[in-house]
Amino acid sequence: MKKLLFIPISILMLAFNSCSNGSDDDFDYDDYEMTYDVNIDNAMDTTAIVVITQDGKDSAMTFEVDGYGMERINLEAGVYHVTATTVTDSLFLDDHFELSDGYSYNLNLTKADYILEHVTYVVSEDPESYVTNKSFTYE
């Protein structure tokens, strides 16, 4: 009976050992392609049809963003051409943008001024370490 248990245990040990030998040094960064989160932000009260084409490529991506809505997509680094029309075929944006640094971008279709706010909730034994006395005023 003990000899029969040795075989499955040996196979499991071999499987676990082969999975745990990797390190970041073995990762081939040349095969990795950086992508960026892009928020397509529609500040209008009507649906926008957004067409994004990467410069040098023929394929176009089309997105339908509801009024006062936002669509999150992933794109690789590069220069892009974007057009946005309303559902009644009225063109209101024809522009280029570039993704090169950072991790996320906000594609403001209407080019209107507004404030993006990010709120983070922290649960901690020491909440005082996360409190700041800094304040600011919106103009």
C-alpha atoms as a PDB file:
ATOM      1  CA  MET A   1       0.000   0.000   0.000  1.00  0.00           C
ATOM      2  CA  LYS A   2       2.837   2.401   0.847  1.00  0.00           C
ATOM      3  CA  LYS A   3       4.410   1.763  -2.554  1.00  0.00           C
ATOM      4  CA  LEU A   4       1.159   2.714  -4.311  1.00  0.00           C
ATOM      5  CA  LEU A   5       1.019   6.081  -2.485  1.00  0.00           C
ATOM      6  CA  PHE A   6       4.572   6.874  -3.544  1.00  0.00           C
ATOM      7  CA  ILE A   7       3.660   7.097  -7.263  1.00  0.00           C
ATOM      8  CA  PRO A   8       0.904   9.793  -7.028  1.00  0.00           C
ATOM      9  CA  ILE A   9       2.884  11.777  -4.458  1.00  0.00           C
ATOM     10  CA  SER A  10       5.948  11.731  -6.723  1.00  0.00           C
ATOM     11  CA  ILE A  11       3.911  12.945  -9.696  1.00  0.00           C
ATOM     12  CA  LEU A  12       2.396  15.800  -7.654  1.00  0.00           C
ATOM     13  CA  MET A  13       5.802  16.855  -6.311  1.00  0.00           C
ATOM     14  CA  LEU A  14       7.225  16.887  -9.836  1.00  0.00           C
ATOM     15  CA  ALA A  15       4.301  19.004 -11.093  1.00  0.00           C
ATOM     16  CA  PHE A  16       4.596  21.559  -8.255  1.00  0.00           C
ATOM     17  CA  ASN A  17       8.363  21.773  -8.647  1.00  0.00           C
ATOM     18  CA  SER A  18       8.148  22.497 -12.370  1.00  0.00           C
ATOM     19  CA  CYS A  19       5.625  25.320 -11.827  1.00  0.00           C
ATOM     20  CA  SER A  20       7.524  27.177  -9.125  1.00  0.00           C
ATOM     21  CA  ASN A  21      10.920  27.669 -10.778  1.00  0.00           C
ATOM     22  CA  GLY A  22      10.010  30.815 -12.763  1.00  0.00           C
ATOM     23  CA  SER A  23      11.247  34.307 -11.987  1.00  0.00           C
ATOM     24  CA  ASP A  24      10.909  37.766 -13.489  1.00  0.00           C
ATOM     25  CA  ASP A  25      14.376  37.344 -15.009  1.00  0.00           C
ATOM     26  CA  ASP A  26      12.955  34.653 -17.293  1.00  0.00           C
ATOM     27  CA  PHE A  27      10.225  36.978 -18.665  1.00  0.00           C
ATOM     28  CA  ASP A  28      10.838  38.066 -22.257  1.00  0.00           C
ATOM     29  CA  TYR A  29       9.806  41.743 -22.333  1.00  0.00           C
ATOM     30  CA  ASP A  30      10.191  41.897 -26.119  1.00  0.00           C
ATOM     31  CA  ASP A  31       7.071  39.743 -26.438  1.00  0.00           C
ATOM     32  CA  TYR A  32       5.092  41.991 -24.080  1.00  0.00           C
ATOM     33  CA  GLU A  33       3.036  44.784 -25.594  1.00  0.00           C
ATOM     34  CA  MET A  34       2.050  47.690 -23.348  1.00  0.00           C
ATOM     35  CA  THR A  35      -1.633  48.575 -23.428  1.00  0.00           C
ATOM     36  CA  TYR A  36      -3.361  51.636 -22.050  1.00  0.00           C
ATOM     37  CA  ASP A  37      -6.804  52.080 -20.508  1.00  0.00           C
ATOM     38  CA  VAL A  38      -8.647  54.737 -22.496  1.00  0.00           C
ATOM     39  CA  ASN A  39     -11.888  56.224 -21.192  1.00  0.00           C
ATOM     40  CA  ILE A  40     -14.018  57.545 -24.036  1.00  0.00           C
ATOM     41  CA  ASP A  41     -16.025  60.250 -22.293  1.00  0.00           C
ATOM     42  CA  ASN A  42     -19.203  61.619 -23.862  1.00  0.00           C
ATOM     43  CA  ALA A  43     -20.327  64.792 -22.052  1.00  0.00           C
ATOM     44  CA  MET A  44     -23.222  65.402 -24.468  1.00  0.00           C
ATOM     45  CA  ASP A  45     -26.836  64.452 -23.857  1.00  0.00           C
ATOM     46  CA  THR A  46     -26.976  62.356 -27.042  1.00  0.00           C
ATOM     47  CA  THR A  47     -25.319  59.117 -28.095  1.00  0.00           C
ATOM     48  CA  ALA A  48     -21.961  59.446 -29.875  1.00  0.00           C
ATOM     49  CA  ILE A  49     -20.609  57.097 -32.528  1.00  0.00           C
ATOM     50  CA  VAL A  50     -16.808  57.047 -32.091  1.00  0.00           C
ATOM     51  CA  VAL A  51     -14.444  55.641 -34.723  1.00  0.00           C
ATOM     52  CA  ILE A  52     -10.791  55.141 -33.740  1.00  0.00           C
ATOM     53  CA  THR A  53      -8.100  54.175 -36.266  1.00  0.00           C
ATOM     54  CA  GLN A  54      -4.428  53.650 -35.445  1.00  0.00           C
ATOM     55  CA  ASP A  55      -2.130  55.520 -37.832  1.00  0.00           C
ATOM     56  CA  GLY A  56      -0.545  53.112 -40.309  1.00  0.00           C
ATOM     57  CA  LYS A  57      -3.305  50.498 -39.942  1.00  0.00           C
ATOM     58  CA  ASP A  58      -6.457  50.045 -41.962  1.00  0.00           C
ATOM     59  CA  SER A  59      -8.791  48.553 -39.371  1.00  0.00           C
ATOM     60  CA  ALA A  60     -11.104  50.906 -37.501  1.00  0.00           C
ATOM     61  CA  MET A  61     -12.745  50.366 -34.130  1.00  0.00           C
ATOM     62  CA  THR A  62     -16.275  51.707 -33.675  1.00  0.00           C
ATOM     63  CA  PHE A  63     -17.851  52.417 -30.299  1.00  0.00           C
ATOM     64  CA  GLU A  64     -21.274  53.709 -29.343  1.00  0.00           C
ATOM     65  CA  VAL A  65     -21.115  55.839 -26.189  1.00  0.00           C
ATOM     66  CA  ASP A  66     -24.391  56.830 -24.550  1.00  0.00           C
ATOM     67  CA  GLY A  67     -25.115  60.435 -23.621  1.00  0.00           C
ATOM     68  CA  TYR A  68     -23.302  61.445 -20.429  1.00  0.00           C
ATOM     69  CA  GLY A  69     -21.655  58.042 -20.586  1.00  0.00           C
ATOM     70  CA  MET A  70     -18.184  56.586 -20.646  1.00  0.00           C
ATOM     71  CA  GLU A  71     -16.719  53.578 -22.430  1.00  0.00           C
ATOM     72  CA  ARG A  72     -13.435  52.009 -21.251  1.00  0.00           C
ATOM     73  CA  ILE A  73     -11.240  50.354 -23.870  1.00  0.00           C
ATOM     74  CA  ASN A  74      -7.646  49.085 -24.125  1.00  0.00           C
ATOM     75  CA  LEU A  75      -5.291  50.308 -26.840  1.00  0.00           C
ATOM     76  CA  GLU A  76      -1.614  49.755 -27.563  1.00  0.00           C
ATOM     77  CA  ALA A  77       0.897  52.609 -27.750  1.00  0.00           C
ATOM     78  CA  GLY A  78       0.735  54.698 -30.904  1.00  0.00           C
ATOM     79  CA  VAL A  79      -0.902  57.606 -32.691  1.00  0.00           C
ATOM     80  CA  TYR A  80      -4.638  57.371 -33.330  1.00  0.00           C
ATOM     81  CA  HIS A  81      -7.194  59.258 -35.388  1.00  0.00           C
ATOM     82  CA  VAL A  82     -10.605  59.687 -33.803  1.00  0.00           C
ATOM     83  CA  THR A  83     -13.879  60.905 -35.273  1.00  0.00           C
ATOM     84  CA  ALA A  84     -17.096  61.258 -33.331  1.00  0.00           C
ATOM     85  CA  THR A  85     -20.559  61.855 -34.722  1.00  0.00           C
ATOM     86  CA  THR A  86     -23.966  62.089 -33.156  1.00  0.00           C
ATOM     87  CA  VAL A  87     -26.623  59.547 -34.032  1.00  0.00           C
ATOM     88  CA  THR A  88     -27.969  62.105 -36.533  1.00  0.00           C
ATOM     89  CA  ASP A  89     -24.598  61.989 -38.400  1.00  0.00           C
ATOM     90  CA  SER A  90     -23.437  65.399 -37.196  1.00  0.00           C
ATOM     91  CA  LEU A  91     -19.619  65.348 -36.954  1.00  0.00           C
ATOM     92  CA  PHE A  92     -18.359  67.072 -33.805  1.00  0.00           C
ATOM     93  CA  LEU A  93     -14.811  65.702 -33.403  1.00  0.00           C
ATOM     94  CA  ASP A  94     -12.068  64.949 -35.944  1.00  0.00           C
ATOM     95  CA  ASP A  95      -8.723  64.790 -34.141  1.00  0.00           C
ATOM     96  CA  HIS A  96      -5.531  62.826 -33.396  1.00  0.00           C
ATOM     97  CA  PHE A  97      -4.190  61.638 -30.046  1.00  0.00           C
ATOM     98  CA  GLU A  98      -1.095  59.737 -28.964  1.00  0.00           C
ATOM     99  CA  LEU A  99      -0.645  57.055 -26.307  1.00  0.00           C
ATOM    100  CA  SER A 100       2.936  56.987 -25.109  1.00  0.00           C
ATOM    101  CA  ASP A 101       3.320  57.448 -21.335  1.00  0.00           C
ATOM    102  CA  GLY A 102       1.166  56.590 -18.357  1.00  0.00           C
ATOM    103  CA  TYR A 103      -1.388  53.854 -17.933  1.00  0.00           C
ATOM    104  CA  SER A 104      -4.732  55.490 -18.573  1.00  0.00           C
ATOM    105  CA  TYR A 105      -6.104  58.315 -20.689  1.00  0.00           C
ATOM    106  CA  ASN A 106      -9.323  60.257 -20.842  1.00  0.00           C
ATOM    107  CA  LEU A 107     -10.551  60.894 -24.386  1.00  0.00           C
ATOM    108  CA  ASN A 108     -12.775  63.949 -23.915  1.00  0.00           C
ATOM    109  CA  LEU A 109     -14.977  63.974 -27.015  1.00  0.00           C
ATOM    110  CA  THR A 110     -16.485  67.423 -26.484  1.00  0.00           C
ATOM    111  CA  LYS A 111     -13.249  69.099 -25.274  1.00  0.00           C
ATOM    112  CA  ALA A 112     -15.359  70.656 -22.505  1.00  0.00           C
ATOM    113  CA  ASP A 113     -13.739  71.679 -19.237  1.00  0.00           C
ATOM    114  CA  TYR A 114     -14.706  69.537 -16.275  1.00  0.00           C
ATOM    115  CA  ILE A 115     -13.181  67.827 -13.277  1.00  0.00           C
ATOM    116  CA  LEU A 116     -12.446  64.140 -12.915  1.00  0.00           C
ATOM    117  CA  GLU A 117     -12.407  63.058  -9.303  1.00  0.00           C
ATOM    118  CA  HIS A 118     -11.110  59.786  -7.947  1.00  0.00           C
ATOM    119  CA  VAL A 119     -12.203  58.779  -4.463  1.00  0.00           C
ATOM    120  CA  THR A 120     -10.474  55.966  -2.596  1.00  0.00           C
ATOM    121  CA  TYR A 121     -11.895  54.397   0.547  1.00  0.00           C
ATOM    122  CA  VAL A 122      -9.377  52.907   2.968  1.00  0.00           C
ATOM    123  CA  VAL A 123     -10.148  50.520   5.800  1.00  0.00           C
ATOM    124  CA  SER A 124      -7.301  50.518   8.288  1.00  0.00           C
ATOM    125  CA  GLU A 125      -6.400  50.016  11.917  1.00  0.00           C
ATOM    126  CA  ASP A 126      -4.630  53.401  11.720  1.00  0.00           C
ATOM    127  CA  PRO A 127      -6.923  55.770   9.774  1.00  0.00           C
ATOM    128  CA  GLU A 128      -4.921  58.837  10.843  1.00  0.00           C
ATOM    129  CA  SER A 129      -2.072  57.775   8.547  1.00  0.00           C
ATOM    130  CA  TYR A 130      -4.365  58.282   5.534  1.00  0.00           C
ATOM    131  CA  VAL A 131      -5.780  61.679   6.498  1.00  0.00           C
ATOM    132  CA  THR A 132      -4.349  64.841   5.000  1.00  0.00           C
ATOM    133  CA  ASN A 133      -4.883  68.505   5.762  1.00  0.00           C
ATOM    134  CA  LYS A 134      -4.499  69.524   2.136  1.00  0.00           C
ATOM    135  CA  SER A 135      -7.482  71.225   0.563  1.00  0.00           C
ATOM    136  CA  PHE A 136      -8.269  72.780  -2.799  1.00  0.00           C
ATOM    137  CA  THR A 137     -10.998  74.820  -4.416  1.00  0.00           C
ATOM    138  CA  TYR A 138     -12.707  74.160  -7.726  1.00  0.00           C
ATOM    139  CA  GLU A 139     -12.892  77.263  -9.887  1.00  0.00           C
END
